């Protein structure tokens, strides 16, 4: 399922594709803004979006085998909630 499929499913409930597109974009935008600020977003039963820090490390260029330094960075993470895990089983 991609964003267009999600919008189509939401449109069935909302009744308008335009309203569904706005709603989906608003939810994704709000999650992104919160993560940029370093905040976690918890949707009870569904899961938690949060920012995790990766340490700097040494890697290898697969073409040359030469060692390269990979800098530290922040990455988004999602942890599924209990209800979501049970629904997928």
PDB file of N, CA and C in Angstrom:
ATOM      1  N   UNK A   1       0.847  -1.170   0.000  1.00  0.00           N
ATOM      2  CA  UNK A   1       0.000   0.000   0.000  1.00  0.00           C
ATOM      3  C   UNK A   1       0.895   1.237   0.000  1.00  0.00           C
ATOM      4  N   UNK A   2       0.565   2.197  -0.847  1.00  0.00           N
ATOM      5  CA  UNK A   2       1.303   3.443  -0.880  1.00  0.00           C
ATOM      6  C   UNK A   2       0.391   4.584  -0.428  1.00  0.00           C
ATOM      7  N   UNK A   3       0.881   5.816  -0.511  1.00  0.00           N
ATOM      8  CA  UNK A   3       0.112   6.958  -0.019  1.00  0.00           C
ATOM      9  C   UNK A   3      -1.213   7.114  -0.770  1.00  0.00           C
ATOM     10  N   UNK A   4      -1.198   6.909  -2.078  1.00  0.00           N
ATOM     11  CA  UNK A   4      -2.423   7.041  -2.874  1.00  0.00           C
ATOM     12  C   UNK A   4      -3.467   6.004  -2.447  1.00  0.00           C
ATOM     13  N   UNK A   5      -3.017   4.798  -2.160  1.00  0.00           N
ATOM     14  CA  UNK A   5      -3.935   3.759  -1.688  1.00  0.00           C
ATOM     15  C   UNK A   5      -4.512   4.129  -0.319  1.00  0.00           C
ATOM     16  N   UNK A   6      -3.683   4.678   0.545  1.00  0.00           N
ATOM     17  CA  UNK A   6      -4.133   5.103   1.865  1.00  0.00           C
ATOM     18  C   UNK A   6      -5.171   6.221   1.740  1.00  0.00           C
ATOM     19  N   UNK A   7      -4.907   7.180   0.874  1.00  0.00           N
ATOM     20  CA  UNK A   7      -5.850   8.278   0.648  1.00  0.00           C
ATOM     21  C   UNK A   7      -7.181   7.729   0.137  1.00  0.00           C
ATOM     22  N   UNK A   8      -7.129   6.765  -0.756  1.00  0.00           N
ATOM     23  CA  UNK A   8      -8.351   6.172  -1.297  1.00  0.00           C
ATOM     24  C   UNK A   8      -9.162   5.478  -0.195  1.00  0.00           C
ATOM     25  N   UNK A   9      -8.504   4.772   0.714  1.00  0.00           N
ATOM     26  CA  UNK A   9      -9.197   4.111   1.817  1.00  0.00           C
ATOM     27  C   UNK A   9      -9.822   5.129   2.767  1.00  0.00           C
ATOM     28  N   UNK A  10      -9.094   6.202   3.065  1.00  0.00           N
ATOM     29  CA  UNK A  10      -9.620   7.244   3.949  1.00  0.00           C
ATOM     30  C   UNK A  10     -10.787   7.957   3.264  1.00  0.00           C
ATOM     31  N   UNK A  11     -10.712   8.139   1.956  1.00  0.00           N
ATOM     32  CA  UNK A  11     -11.779   8.817   1.205  1.00  0.00           C
ATOM     33  C   UNK A  11     -13.095   8.045   1.281  1.00  0.00           C
ATOM     34  N   UNK A  12     -13.017   6.728   1.388  1.00  0.00           N
ATOM     35  CA  UNK A  12     -14.233   5.926   1.532  1.00  0.00           C
ATOM     36  C   UNK A  12     -14.982   6.284   2.815  1.00  0.00           C
ATOM     37  N   UNK A  13     -14.248   6.614   3.855  1.00  0.00           N
ATOM     38  CA  UNK A  13     -14.854   6.961   5.135  1.00  0.00           C
ATOM     39  C   UNK A  13     -15.263   8.436   5.176  1.00  0.00           C
ATOM     40  N   UNK A  14     -14.376   9.299   4.691  1.00  0.00           N
ATOM     41  CA  UNK A  14     -14.608  10.735   4.763  1.00  0.00           C
ATOM     42  C   UNK A  14     -15.593  11.206   3.697  1.00  0.00           C
ATOM     43  N   UNK A  15     -15.606  10.543   2.562  1.00  0.00           N
ATOM     44  CA  UNK A  15     -16.532  10.899   1.494  1.00  0.00           C
ATOM     45  C   UNK A  15     -15.943  11.780   0.420  1.00  0.00           C
ATOM     46  N   UNK A  16     -14.724  12.265   0.607  1.00  0.00           N
ATOM     47  CA  UNK A  16     -14.101  13.141  -0.378  1.00  0.00           C
ATOM     48  C   UNK A  16     -12.613  12.832  -0.480  1.00  0.00           C
ATOM     49  N   UNK A  17     -12.137  12.689  -1.697  1.00  0.00           N
ATOM     50  CA  UNK A  17     -10.720  12.400  -1.894  1.00  0.00           C
ATOM     51  C   UNK A  17      -9.866  13.589  -1.459  1.00  0.00           C
ATOM     52  N   UNK A  18     -10.352  14.792  -1.690  1.00  0.00           N
ATOM     53  CA  UNK A  18      -9.618  16.007  -1.308  1.00  0.00           C
ATOM     54  C   UNK A  18      -9.460  16.088   0.211  1.00  0.00           C
ATOM     55  N   UNK A  19     -10.526  15.841   0.949  1.00  0.00           N
ATOM     56  CA  UNK A  19     -10.462  15.860   2.410  1.00  0.00           C
ATOM     57  C   UNK A  19      -9.528  14.769   2.930  1.00  0.00           C
ATOM     58  N   UNK A  20      -9.582  13.612   2.288  1.00  0.00           N
ATOM     59  CA  UNK A  20      -8.726  12.497   2.688  1.00  0.00           C
ATOM     60  C   UNK A  20      -7.257  12.838   2.458  1.00  0.00           C
ATOM     61  N   UNK A  21      -6.964  13.443   1.312  1.00  0.00           N
ATOM     62  CA  UNK A  21      -5.583  13.848   0.998  1.00  0.00           C
ATOM     63  C   UNK A  21      -5.079  14.851   2.033  1.00  0.00           C
ATOM     64  N   UNK A  22      -5.914  15.818   2.382  1.00  0.00           N
ATOM     65  CA  UNK A  22      -5.538  16.814   3.389  1.00  0.00           C
ATOM     66  C   UNK A  22      -5.298  16.172   4.749  1.00  0.00           C
ATOM     67  N   UNK A  23      -6.159  15.244   5.124  1.00  0.00           N
ATOM     68  CA  UNK A  23      -6.024  14.574   6.422  1.00  0.00           C
ATOM     69  C   UNK A  23      -4.738  13.745   6.494  1.00  0.00           C
ATOM     70  N   UNK A  24      -4.487  12.966   5.461  1.00  0.00           N
ATOM     71  CA  UNK A  24      -3.291  12.117   5.443  1.00  0.00           C
ATOM     72  C   UNK A  24      -2.030  12.981   5.445  1.00  0.00           C
ATOM     73  N   UNK A  25      -2.007  14.031   4.642  1.00  0.00           N
ATOM     74  CA  UNK A  25      -0.851  14.928   4.598  1.00  0.00           C
ATOM     75  C   UNK A  25      -0.632  15.621   5.939  1.00  0.00           C
ATOM     76  N   UNK A  26      -1.714  15.997   6.596  1.00  0.00           N
ATOM     77  CA  UNK A  26      -1.621  16.645   7.905  1.00  0.00           C
ATOM     78  C   UNK A  26      -1.029  15.693   8.946  1.00  0.00           C
ATOM     79  N   UNK A  27      -1.468  14.450   8.951  1.00  0.00           N
ATOM     80  CA  UNK A  27      -0.947  13.465   9.909  1.00  0.00           C
ATOM     81  C   UNK A  27       0.545  13.232   9.674  1.00  0.00           C
ATOM     82  N   UNK A  28       0.936  13.021   8.416  1.00  0.00           N
ATOM     83  CA  UNK A  28       2.358  12.797   8.117  1.00  0.00           C
ATOM     84  C   UNK A  28       3.190  14.026   8.450  1.00  0.00           C
ATOM     85  N   UNK A  29       2.663  15.198   8.147  1.00  0.00           N
ATOM     86  CA  UNK A  29       3.378  16.440   8.450  1.00  0.00           C
ATOM     87  C   UNK A  29       3.560  16.653   9.934  1.00  0.00           C
ATOM     88  N   UNK A  30       2.535  16.355  10.711  1.00  0.00           N
ATOM     89  CA  UNK A  30       2.601  16.514  12.163  1.00  0.00           C
ATOM     90  C   UNK A  30       3.614  15.546  12.771  1.00  0.00           C
ATOM     91  N   UNK A  31       3.625  14.320  12.293  1.00  0.00           N
ATOM     92  CA  UNK A  31       4.608  13.335  12.778  1.00  0.00           C
ATOM     93  C   UNK A  31       6.018  13.819  12.456  1.00  0.00           C
ATOM     94  N   UNK A  32       6.223  14.305  11.239  1.00  0.00           N
ATOM     95  CA  UNK A  32       7.538  14.778  10.814  1.00  0.00           C
ATOM     96  C   UNK A  32       7.996  15.969  11.653  1.00  0.00           C
ATOM     97  N   UNK A  33       7.117  16.933  11.880  1.00  0.00           N
ATOM     98  CA  UNK A  33       7.460  18.110  12.684  1.00  0.00           C
ATOM     99  C   UNK A  33       7.858  17.706  14.097  1.00  0.00           C
ATOM    100  N   UNK A  34       7.101  16.797  14.695  1.00  0.00           N
ATOM    101  CA  UNK A  34       7.414  16.337  16.046  1.00  0.00           C
ATOM    102  C   UNK A  34       8.766  15.648  16.113  1.00  0.00           C
ATOM    103  N   UNK A  35       9.050  14.809  15.139  1.00  0.00           N
ATOM    104  CA  UNK A  35      10.334  14.106  15.119  1.00  0.00           C
ATOM    105  C   UNK A  35      11.491  15.072  14.902  1.00  0.00           C
ATOM    106  N   UNK A  36      11.282  16.111  14.081  1.00  0.00           N
ATOM    107  CA  UNK A  36      12.331  17.121  13.873  1.00  0.00           C
ATOM    108  C   UNK A  36      12.676  17.815  15.182  1.00  0.00           C
ATOM    109  N   UNK A  37      11.673  18.005  16.048  1.00  0.00           N
ATOM    110  CA  UNK A  37      11.894  18.645  17.340  1.00  0.00           C
ATOM    111  C   UNK A  37      12.451  17.672  18.376  1.00  0.00           C
ATOM    112  N   UNK A  38      12.557  16.391  18.008  1.00  0.00           N
ATOM    113  CA  UNK A  38      13.068  15.386  18.933  1.00  0.00           C
ATOM    114  C   UNK A  38      11.996  14.783  19.817  1.00  0.00           C
ATOM    115  N   UNK A  39      10.736  15.062  19.523  1.00  0.00           N
ATOM    116  CA  UNK A  39       9.630  14.542  20.318  1.00  0.00           C
ATOM    117  C   UNK A  39       9.233  13.155  19.835  1.00  0.00           C
ATOM    118  N   UNK A  40       8.704  12.360  20.749  1.00  0.00           N
ATOM    119  CA  UNK A  40       8.162  11.049  20.394  1.00  0.00           C
ATOM    120  C   UNK A  40       6.655  11.184  20.237  1.00  0.00           C
ATOM    121  N   UNK A  41       6.074  10.388  19.368  1.00  0.00           N
ATOM    122  CA  UNK A  41       4.626  10.378  19.168  1.00  0.00           C
ATOM    123  C   UNK A  41       4.137   8.970  19.444  1.00  0.00           C
ATOM    124  N   UNK A  42       3.268   8.840  20.434  1.00  0.00           N
ATOM    125  CA  UNK A  42       2.733   7.536  20.804  1.00  0.00           C
ATOM    126  C   UNK A  42       1.259   7.475  20.459  1.00  0.00           C
ATOM    127  N   UNK A  43       0.883   6.496  19.658  1.00  0.00           N
ATOM    128  CA  UNK A  43      -0.505   6.217  19.335  1.00  0.00           C
ATOM    129  C   UNK A  43      -0.833   4.901  20.035  1.00  0.00           C
ATOM    130  N   UNK A  44      -1.547   4.988  21.142  1.00  0.00           N
ATOM    131  CA  UNK A  44      -1.806   3.825  21.994  1.00  0.00           C
ATOM    132  C   UNK A  44      -2.433   2.698  21.177  1.00  0.00           C
ATOM    133  N   UNK A  45      -1.840   1.526  21.273  1.00  0.00           N
ATOM    134  CA  UNK A  45      -2.315   0.359  20.550  1.00  0.00           C
ATOM    135  C   UNK A  45      -1.705   0.220  19.171  1.00  0.00           C
ATOM    136  N   UNK A  46      -1.300   1.348  18.562  1.00  0.00           N
ATOM    137  CA  UNK A  46      -0.721   1.292  17.216  1.00  0.00           C
ATOM    138  C   UNK A  46       0.795   1.242  17.272  1.00  0.00           C
ATOM    139  N   UNK A  47       1.411   2.217  17.954  1.00  0.00           N
ATOM    140  CA  UNK A  47       2.852   2.210  18.062  1.00  0.00           C
ATOM    141  C   UNK A  47       3.418   3.560  18.430  1.00  0.00           C
ATOM    142  N   UNK A  48       4.757   3.647  18.437  1.00  0.00           N
ATOM    143  CA  UNK A  48       5.463   4.858  18.817  1.00  0.00           C
ATOM    144  C   UNK A  48       6.487   5.228  17.753  1.00  0.00           C
ATOM    145  N   UNK A  49       6.445   6.491  17.345  1.00  0.00           N
ATOM    146  CA  UNK A  49       7.464   7.051  16.459  1.00  0.00           C
ATOM    147  C   UNK A  49       8.423   7.833  17.347  1.00  0.00           C
ATOM    148  N   UNK A  50       9.726   7.649  17.144  1.00  0.00           N
ATOM    149  CA  UNK A  50      10.708   8.391  17.934  1.00  0.00           C
ATOM    150  C   UNK A  50      11.986   8.578  17.131  1.00  0.00           C
ATOM    151  N   UNK A  51      12.874   9.413  17.649  1.00  0.00           N
ATOM    152  CA  UNK A  51      14.162   9.665  17.009  1.00  0.00           C
ATOM    153  C   UNK A  51      15.223   8.906  17.792  1.00  0.00           C
ATOM    154  N   UNK A  52      16.089   8.221  17.062  1.00  0.00           N
ATOM    155  CA  UNK A  52      17.172   7.468  17.681  1.00  0.00           C
ATOM    156  C   UNK A  52      18.496   8.000  17.135  1.00  0.00           C
ATOM    157  N   UNK A  53      19.527   7.945  17.957  1.00  0.00           N
ATOM    158  CA  UNK A  53      20.853   8.426  17.531  1.00  0.00           C
ATOM    159  C   UNK A  53      21.726   7.237  17.169  1.00  0.00           C
ATOM    160  N   UNK A  54      22.373   7.336  16.015  1.00  0.00           N
ATOM    161  CA  UNK A  54      23.351   6.317  15.615  1.00  0.00           C
ATOM    162  C   UNK A  54      24.743   6.875  15.858  1.00  0.00           C
ATOM    163  N   UNK A  55      25.601   6.072  16.425  1.00  0.00           N
ATOM    164  CA  UNK A  55      26.970   6.491  16.688  1.00  0.00           C
ATOM    165  C   UNK A  55      27.768   6.519  15.394  1.00  0.00           C
ATOM    166  N   UNK A  56      28.835   7.298  15.388  1.00  0.00           N
ATOM    167  CA  UNK A  56      29.762   7.302  14.257  1.00  0.00           C
ATOM    168  C   UNK A  56      30.456   5.940  14.221  1.00  0.00           C
ATOM    169  N   UNK A  57      30.766   5.488  13.036  1.00  0.00           N
ATOM    170  CA  UNK A  57      31.411   4.177  12.915  1.00  0.00           C
ATOM    171  C   UNK A  57      32.272   4.127  11.656  1.00  0.00           C
ATOM    172  N   UNK A  58      33.038   3.074  11.562  1.00  0.00           N
ATOM    173  CA  UNK A  58      33.889   2.868  10.389  1.00  0.00           C
ATOM    174  C   UNK A  58      33.237   1.813   9.518  1.00  0.00           C
ATOM    175  N   UNK A  59      33.125   2.097   8.221  1.00  0.00           N
ATOM    176  CA  UNK A  59      32.559   1.150   7.273  1.00  0.00           C
ATOM    177  C   UNK A  59      33.540   0.888   6.151  1.00  0.00           C
ATOM    178  N   UNK A  60      33.099   0.162   5.156  1.00  0.00           N
ATOM    179  CA  UNK A  60      33.951  -0.134   3.999  1.00  0.00           C
ATOM    180  C   UNK A  60      33.236   0.205   2.712  1.00  0.00           C
ATOM    181  N   UNK A  61      33.990   0.760   1.774  1.00  0.00           N
ATOM    182  CA  UNK A  61      33.480   0.990   0.439  1.00  0.00           C
ATOM    183  C   UNK A  61      33.454  -0.374  -0.242  1.00  0.00           C
ATOM    184  N   UNK A  62      32.283  -0.870  -0.660  1.00  0.00           N
ATOM    185  CA  UNK A  62      32.210  -2.213  -1.231  1.00  0.00           C
ATOM    186  C   UNK A  62      32.946  -2.356  -2.563  1.00  0.00           C
ATOM    187  N   UNK A  63      33.147  -1.267  -3.281  1.00  0.00           N
ATOM    188  CA  UNK A  63      33.844  -1.354  -4.563  1.00  0.00           C
ATOM    189  C   UNK A  63      35.349  -1.448  -4.402  1.00  0.00           C
ATOM    190  N   UNK A  64      35.898  -0.660  -3.441  1.00  0.00           N
ATOM    191  CA  UNK A  64      37.350  -0.617  -3.291  1.00  0.00           C
ATOM    192  C   UNK A  64      37.849  -1.346  -2.059  1.00  0.00           C
ATOM    193  N   UNK A  65      36.984  -1.565  -1.088  1.00  0.00           N
ATOM    194  CA  UNK A  65      37.394  -2.203   0.157  1.00  0.00           C
ATOM    195  C   UNK A  65      38.047  -1.221   1.120  1.00  0.00           C
ATOM    196  N   UNK A  66      38.164   0.028   0.723  1.00  0.00           N
ATOM    197  CA  UNK A  66      38.791   1.050   1.548  1.00  0.00           C
ATOM    198  C   UNK A  66      37.880   1.436   2.712  1.00  0.00           C
ATOM    199  N   UNK A  67      38.475   1.649   3.895  1.00  0.00           N
ATOM    200  CA  UNK A  67      37.697   2.049   5.062  1.00  0.00           C
ATOM    201  C   UNK A  67      37.225   3.485   4.906  1.00  0.00           C
ATOM    202  N   UNK A  68      35.989   3.747   5.340  1.00  0.00           N
ATOM    203  CA  UNK A  68      35.451   5.102   5.327  1.00  0.00           C
ATOM    204  C   UNK A  68      34.808   5.380   6.682  1.00  0.00           C
ATOM    205  N   UNK A  69      34.786   6.654   7.054  1.00  0.00           N
ATOM    206  CA  UNK A  69      34.159   7.049   8.313  1.00  0.00           C
ATOM    207  C   UNK A  69      32.709   7.412   8.025  1.00  0.00           C
ATOM    208  N   UNK A  70      31.805   6.812   8.782  1.00  0.00           N
ATOM    209  CA  UNK A  70      30.382   7.108   8.673  1.00  0.00           C
ATOM    210  C   UNK A  70      30.028   7.973   9.875  1.00  0.00           C
ATOM    211  N   UNK A  71      29.561   9.221   9.641  1.00  0.00           N
ATOM    212  CA  UNK A  71      29.296  10.127  10.760  1.00  0.00           C
ATOM    213  C   UNK A  71      28.065   9.720  11.572  1.00  0.00           C
ATOM    214  N   UNK A  72      28.007  10.229  12.799  1.00  0.00           N
ATOM    215  CA  UNK A  72      26.839  10.004  13.653  1.00  0.00           C
ATOM    216  C   UNK A  72      25.654  10.744  13.045  1.00  0.00           C
ATOM    217  N   UNK A  73      24.450  10.206  13.260  1.00  0.00           N
ATOM    218  CA  UNK A  73      23.257  10.877  12.760  1.00  0.00           C
ATOM    219  C   UNK A  73      22.030  10.422  13.536  1.00  0.00           C
ATOM    220  N   UNK A  74      20.950  11.190  13.354  1.00  0.00           N
ATOM    221  CA  UNK A  74      19.674  10.850  13.965  1.00  0.00           C
ATOM    222  C   UNK A  74      18.811  10.158  12.916  1.00  0.00           C
ATOM    223  N   UNK A  75      18.076   9.130  13.339  1.00  0.00           N
ATOM    224  CA  UNK A  75      17.208   8.389  12.422  1.00  0.00           C
ATOM    225  C   UNK A  75      15.840   8.168  13.072  1.00  0.00           C
ATOM    226  N   UNK A  76      14.774   8.169  12.256  1.00  0.00           N
ATOM    227  CA  UNK A  76      13.452   7.886  12.811  1.00  0.00           C
ATOM    228  C   UNK A  76      13.287   6.386  13.069  1.00  0.00           C
ATOM    229  N   UNK A  77      12.564   6.064  14.132  1.00  0.00           N
ATOM    230  CA  UNK A  77      12.279   4.658  14.451  1.00  0.00           C
ATOM    231  C   UNK A  77      10.800   4.518  14.774  1.00  0.00           C
ATOM    232  N   UNK A  78      10.266   3.344  14.480  1.00  0.00           N
ATOM    233  CA  UNK A  78       8.885   3.034  14.810  1.00  0.00           C
ATOM    234  C   UNK A  78       8.861   1.718  15.562  1.00  0.00           C
ATOM    235  N   UNK A  79       8.175   1.708  16.687  1.00  0.00           N
ATOM    236  CA  UNK A  79       7.992   0.490  17.467  1.00  0.00           C
ATOM    237  C   UNK A  79       6.500   0.184  17.487  1.00  0.00           C
ATOM    238  N   UNK A  80       6.137  -0.988  17.000  1.00  0.00           N
ATOM    239  CA  UNK A  80       4.730  -1.377  16.926  1.00  0.00           C
ATOM    240  C   UNK A  80       4.158  -1.607  18.321  1.00  0.00           C
ATOM    241  N   UNK A  81       2.900  -1.215  18.507  1.00  0.00           N
ATOM    242  CA  UNK A  81       2.198  -1.423  19.763  1.00  0.00           C
ATOM    243  C   UNK A  81       1.614  -2.829  19.847  1.00  0.00           C
ATOM    244  N   UNK A  82       1.130  -3.178  21.004  1.00  0.00           N
ATOM    245  CA  UNK A  82       0.620  -4.524  21.250  1.00  0.00           C
ATOM    246  C   UNK A  82      -0.551  -4.881  20.333  1.00  0.00           C
ATOM    247  N   UNK A  83      -1.507  -3.980  20.162  1.00  0.00           N
ATOM    248  CA  UNK A  83      -2.671  -4.257  19.314  1.00  0.00           C
ATOM    249  C   UNK A  83      -2.273  -4.495  17.864  1.00  0.00           C
ATOM    250  N   UNK A  84      -1.326  -3.690  17.381  1.00  0.00           N
ATOM    251  CA  UNK A  84      -0.860  -3.859  16.005  1.00  0.00           C
ATOM    252  C   UNK A  84      -0.132  -5.195  15.847  1.00  0.00           C
ATOM    253  N   UNK A  85       0.696  -5.538  16.785  1.00  0.00           N
ATOM    254  CA  UNK A  85       1.416  -6.817  16.731  1.00  0.00           C
ATOM    255  C   UNK A  85       0.438  -7.990  16.721  1.00  0.00           C
ATOM    256  N   UNK A  86      -0.586  -7.909  17.557  1.00  0.00           N
ATOM    257  CA  UNK A  86      -1.572  -8.989  17.623  1.00  0.00           C
ATOM    258  C   UNK A  86      -2.400  -9.072  16.337  1.00  0.00           C
ATOM    259  N   UNK A  87      -2.693  -7.945  15.722  1.00  0.00           N
ATOM    260  CA  UNK A  87      -3.480  -7.932  14.484  1.00  0.00           C
ATOM    261  C   UNK A  87      -2.721  -8.560  13.325  1.00  0.00           C
ATOM    262  N   UNK A  88      -1.406  -8.440  13.345  1.00  0.00           N
ATOM    263  CA  UNK A  88      -0.575  -8.972  12.258  1.00  0.00           C
ATOM    264  C   UNK A  88      -0.330 -10.464  12.405  1.00  0.00           C
ATOM    265  N   UNK A  89      -0.406 -10.984  13.604  1.00  0.00           N
ATOM    266  CA  UNK A  89      -0.125 -12.414  13.841  1.00  0.00           C
ATOM    267  C   UNK A  89      -0.977 -13.307  12.992  1.00  0.00           C
TER     268      UNK A  89
END
